Amino acid sequence: MTDNVYKLRDKGGESEKITINLGYVDLGRIDLLVQEGFYSNRTDFIRTAIRNQLAAEAEAEAVKRSVVRHSLEIGLRDYSRADLELLKAAGERLHIKVVGLARIAPDVTPELALATIESITVLGALQASTELKSALAERIR
């Protein structure tokens, strides 16, 4: 099942919205940099700052060590109905651990998911039907 693990691009078409609170002084400093043309807007500054911090962490290998320690997969991880049916036939259960985006195919039934998925830990985003997320709610961390 590792043949459907893909590394996410640094800049993707899909994104997740977050909200942050900043002090007035920090916000003013960001606005000044935008006004001076260093960044196109506040969002551009914040995205750049986050990417720079993540790059610094990666260079220090803190993220890599953590991924190895927790047996996490990085990037995009798709789980198809066929994948889960093979697990079910083998009597195996899945512990999903992803840093990035985990997607469970829309044709996966709640019954199949409950029979094959023991736990889900996603640092990033989980894409699955509302029905599936509801059925697996107690297994999502």
Foldseek 3Di string as FASTA:
>chain_A
DVVQFDAADLDDPDADDDDDDDDPVVVVVLVVCCVVPVAVDSVRVVSVVVVVVVVVCVVVVPVVVVCVVVVEGEHEAEAELVNLVVCLVVQEADAHHYEAEYEYDAPRDLVSNVSHYQAHEYNHYYHYDPNNCVSCVVRYD
